[in-house]
């Protein structure tokens, strides 16, 4: 699952389902290369809740283990688990909440994107 979290014209956060733009190559298919400065791993304990906040930059957040619920202003909550990718693109507008659910520590891989 690839979900974009973005700020709409109304200044609020919204979710959008995305599909990578694949192109054929000799090994199968690949999406276009995106520029990044590096990656980081994160670890968050079950029960952790982050109240309304925005992403610090445009970035992919890939859940490697554990589960998280992301909430937006209209009350929508989406759950992300292992293998799910969120493109945090809600800059500088709408905020979201983050809650680590279940009993497993959430481990993430974050890939900040260059603009």
C-alpha atoms as a PDB file:
ATOM      1  CA  UNK A   1       0.000   0.000   0.000  1.00  0.00           C
ATOM      2  CA  UNK A   2       1.297   3.462  -0.943  1.00  0.00           C
ATOM      3  CA  UNK A   3      -0.650   6.339   0.583  1.00  0.00           C
ATOM      4  CA  UNK A   4       0.043  10.045   0.203  1.00  0.00           C
ATOM      5  CA  UNK A   5      -0.739  12.318   3.163  1.00  0.00           C
ATOM      6  CA  UNK A   6      -1.112  15.813   1.719  1.00  0.00           C
ATOM      7  CA  UNK A   7      -2.590  19.238   2.414  1.00  0.00           C
ATOM      8  CA  UNK A   8      -5.593  20.070   0.256  1.00  0.00           C
ATOM      9  CA  UNK A   9      -6.739  23.484  -0.953  1.00  0.00           C
ATOM     10  CA  UNK A  10      -8.875  23.670   2.210  1.00  0.00           C
ATOM     11  CA  UNK A  11      -5.699  23.678   4.347  1.00  0.00           C
ATOM     12  CA  UNK A  12      -6.566  20.264   5.865  1.00  0.00           C
ATOM     13  CA  UNK A  13      -4.770  16.923   5.603  1.00  0.00           C
ATOM     14  CA  UNK A  14      -6.112  14.271   3.242  1.00  0.00           C
ATOM     15  CA  UNK A  15      -5.178  10.731   2.177  1.00  0.00           C
ATOM     16  CA  UNK A  16      -4.682   9.659  -1.429  1.00  0.00           C
ATOM     17  CA  UNK A  17      -3.992   6.125  -2.660  1.00  0.00           C
ATOM     18  CA  UNK A  18      -1.047   6.112  -5.068  1.00  0.00           C
ATOM     19  CA  UNK A  19       0.481   3.650  -7.477  1.00  0.00           C
ATOM     20  CA  UNK A  20       4.173   3.940  -8.342  1.00  0.00           C
ATOM     21  CA  UNK A  21       4.775   4.883 -11.971  1.00  0.00           C
ATOM     22  CA  UNK A  22       6.548   1.765 -13.202  1.00  0.00           C
ATOM     23  CA  UNK A  23       8.520   1.540 -16.437  1.00  0.00           C
ATOM     24  CA  UNK A  24       9.915  -1.634 -17.960  1.00  0.00           C
ATOM     25  CA  UNK A  25      13.636  -2.358 -17.747  1.00  0.00           C
ATOM     26  CA  UNK A  26      15.854  -5.419 -18.244  1.00  0.00           C
ATOM     27  CA  UNK A  27      15.070  -6.722 -14.725  1.00  0.00           C
ATOM     28  CA  UNK A  28      11.306  -6.158 -14.833  1.00  0.00           C
ATOM     29  CA  UNK A  29       9.824  -2.813 -13.857  1.00  0.00           C
ATOM     30  CA  UNK A  30      11.074   0.137 -11.818  1.00  0.00           C
ATOM     31  CA  UNK A  31       9.782   3.557 -10.830  1.00  0.00           C
ATOM     32  CA  UNK A  32      11.813   6.667 -11.655  1.00  0.00           C
ATOM     33  CA  UNK A  33      14.725   7.475  -9.339  1.00  0.00           C
ATOM     34  CA  UNK A  34      13.968  10.111  -6.695  1.00  0.00           C
ATOM     35  CA  UNK A  35      16.635  12.302  -5.110  1.00  0.00           C
ATOM     36  CA  UNK A  36      17.324  11.893  -1.392  1.00  0.00           C
ATOM     37  CA  UNK A  37      19.999  12.927   1.098  1.00  0.00           C
ATOM     38  CA  UNK A  38      19.913   9.659   3.027  1.00  0.00           C
ATOM     39  CA  UNK A  39      17.706   7.414   5.122  1.00  0.00           C
ATOM     40  CA  UNK A  40      17.095   6.888   8.822  1.00  0.00           C
ATOM     41  CA  UNK A  41      15.546   4.164  10.939  1.00  0.00           C
ATOM     42  CA  UNK A  42      13.160   4.912  13.779  1.00  0.00           C
ATOM     43  CA  UNK A  43      11.718   2.911  16.647  1.00  0.00           C
ATOM     44  CA  UNK A  44       8.547   3.808  18.563  1.00  0.00           C
ATOM     45  CA  UNK A  45       7.016   1.880  21.443  1.00  0.00           C
ATOM     46  CA  UNK A  46       3.397   0.602  21.498  1.00  0.00           C
ATOM     47  CA  UNK A  47       0.985   3.120  22.983  1.00  0.00           C
ATOM     48  CA  UNK A  48       2.987   6.149  21.857  1.00  0.00           C
ATOM     49  CA  UNK A  49       0.709   8.992  20.741  1.00  0.00           C
ATOM     50  CA  UNK A  50       1.794  12.140  18.938  1.00  0.00           C
ATOM     51  CA  UNK A  51      -0.907  14.813  18.965  1.00  0.00           C
ATOM     52  CA  UNK A  52      -1.497  17.108  15.975  1.00  0.00           C
ATOM     53  CA  UNK A  53       1.730  17.733  14.069  1.00  0.00           C
ATOM     54  CA  UNK A  54       3.013  18.142  10.513  1.00  0.00           C
ATOM     55  CA  UNK A  55       5.783  16.267   8.761  1.00  0.00           C
ATOM     56  CA  UNK A  56       9.169  17.994   9.088  1.00  0.00           C
ATOM     57  CA  UNK A  57       9.774  17.630   5.332  1.00  0.00           C
ATOM     58  CA  UNK A  58       8.495  15.704   2.320  1.00  0.00           C
ATOM     59  CA  UNK A  59       9.426  12.100   3.035  1.00  0.00           C
ATOM     60  CA  UNK A  60       8.532   8.468   2.623  1.00  0.00           C
ATOM     61  CA  UNK A  61       7.855   6.637   5.889  1.00  0.00           C
ATOM     62  CA  UNK A  62       7.975   2.861   5.460  1.00  0.00           C
ATOM     63  CA  UNK A  63       6.689   0.681   8.278  1.00  0.00           C
ATOM     64  CA  UNK A  64       8.980  -2.325   8.701  1.00  0.00           C
ATOM     65  CA  UNK A  65       7.338  -3.801  11.811  1.00  0.00           C
ATOM     66  CA  UNK A  66       4.533  -2.886  14.182  1.00  0.00           C
ATOM     67  CA  UNK A  67       1.426  -0.886  13.340  1.00  0.00           C
ATOM     68  CA  UNK A  68       0.427   2.767  13.439  1.00  0.00           C
ATOM     69  CA  UNK A  69      -2.792   4.696  13.027  1.00  0.00           C
ATOM     70  CA  UNK A  70      -2.607   8.090  11.319  1.00  0.00           C
ATOM     71  CA  UNK A  71      -5.585  10.390  11.913  1.00  0.00           C
ATOM     72  CA  UNK A  72      -6.568  13.494   9.965  1.00  0.00           C
ATOM     73  CA  UNK A  73      -8.870  16.423  10.740  1.00  0.00           C
ATOM     74  CA  UNK A  74     -12.061  14.997   9.221  1.00  0.00           C
ATOM     75  CA  UNK A  75     -11.868  12.019  11.608  1.00  0.00           C
ATOM     76  CA  UNK A  76     -10.475   9.558   9.054  1.00  0.00           C
ATOM     77  CA  UNK A  77      -7.940   7.093  10.488  1.00  0.00           C
ATOM     78  CA  UNK A  78      -5.743   4.849   8.344  1.00  0.00           C
ATOM     79  CA  UNK A  79      -3.724   1.949   9.740  1.00  0.00           C
ATOM     80  CA  UNK A  80      -0.255   1.164   8.384  1.00  0.00           C
ATOM     81  CA  UNK A  81       1.593  -2.101   8.972  1.00  0.00           C
ATOM     82  CA  UNK A  82       4.711  -3.875   7.727  1.00  0.00           C
ATOM     83  CA  UNK A  83       5.439  -3.048   4.100  1.00  0.00           C
ATOM     84  CA  UNK A  84       3.104  -0.048   3.946  1.00  0.00           C
ATOM     85  CA  UNK A  85       4.517   3.217   2.615  1.00  0.00           C
ATOM     86  CA  UNK A  86       3.279   6.712   3.422  1.00  0.00           C
ATOM     87  CA  UNK A  87       4.412   9.719   1.422  1.00  0.00           C
ATOM     88  CA  UNK A  88       4.205  12.552   3.969  1.00  0.00           C
ATOM     89  CA  UNK A  89       3.566  15.547   1.749  1.00  0.00           C
ATOM     90  CA  UNK A  90       1.462  17.662   4.138  1.00  0.00           C
ATOM     91  CA  UNK A  91       3.685  20.704   4.120  1.00  0.00           C
ATOM     92  CA  UNK A  92       3.188  23.292   5.478  1.00  0.00           C
ATOM     93  CA  UNK A  93      -0.526  22.855   6.063  1.00  0.00           C
ATOM     94  CA  UNK A  94      -2.765  20.245   7.602  1.00  0.00           C
ATOM     95  CA  UNK A  95      -1.705  18.269  10.608  1.00  0.00           C
ATOM     96  CA  UNK A  96      -2.211  14.644  11.590  1.00  0.00           C
ATOM     97  CA  UNK A  97      -2.017  12.430  14.679  1.00  0.00           C
ATOM     98  CA  UNK A  98       0.104   9.309  15.064  1.00  0.00           C
ATOM     99  CA  UNK A  99      -0.655   6.393  17.407  1.00  0.00           C
ATOM    100  CA  UNK A 100       1.395   3.185  17.635  1.00  0.00           C
ATOM    101  CA  UNK A 101      -1.134   0.377  18.119  1.00  0.00           C
ATOM    102  CA  UNK A 102      -0.827  -3.281  19.041  1.00  0.00           C
ATOM    103  CA  UNK A 103       1.888  -4.843  21.184  1.00  0.00           C
ATOM    104  CA  UNK A 104       4.848  -4.683  18.808  1.00  0.00           C
ATOM    105  CA  UNK A 105       7.405  -1.875  18.601  1.00  0.00           C
ATOM    106  CA  UNK A 106       7.030   0.081  15.368  1.00  0.00           C
ATOM    107  CA  UNK A 107      10.202   0.221  13.294  1.00  0.00           C
ATOM    108  CA  UNK A 108      10.302   2.608  10.340  1.00  0.00           C
ATOM    109  CA  UNK A 109      12.591   3.545   7.499  1.00  0.00           C
ATOM    110  CA  UNK A 110      12.317   7.247   6.628  1.00  0.00           C
ATOM    111  CA  UNK A 111      13.515   8.570   3.280  1.00  0.00           C
ATOM    112  CA  UNK A 112      13.562  12.395   3.077  1.00  0.00           C
ATOM    113  CA  UNK A 113      13.079  13.631  -0.480  1.00  0.00           C
ATOM    114  CA  UNK A 114      14.876  16.528  -2.094  1.00  0.00           C
ATOM    115  CA  UNK A 115      12.572  19.127  -3.585  1.00  0.00           C
END
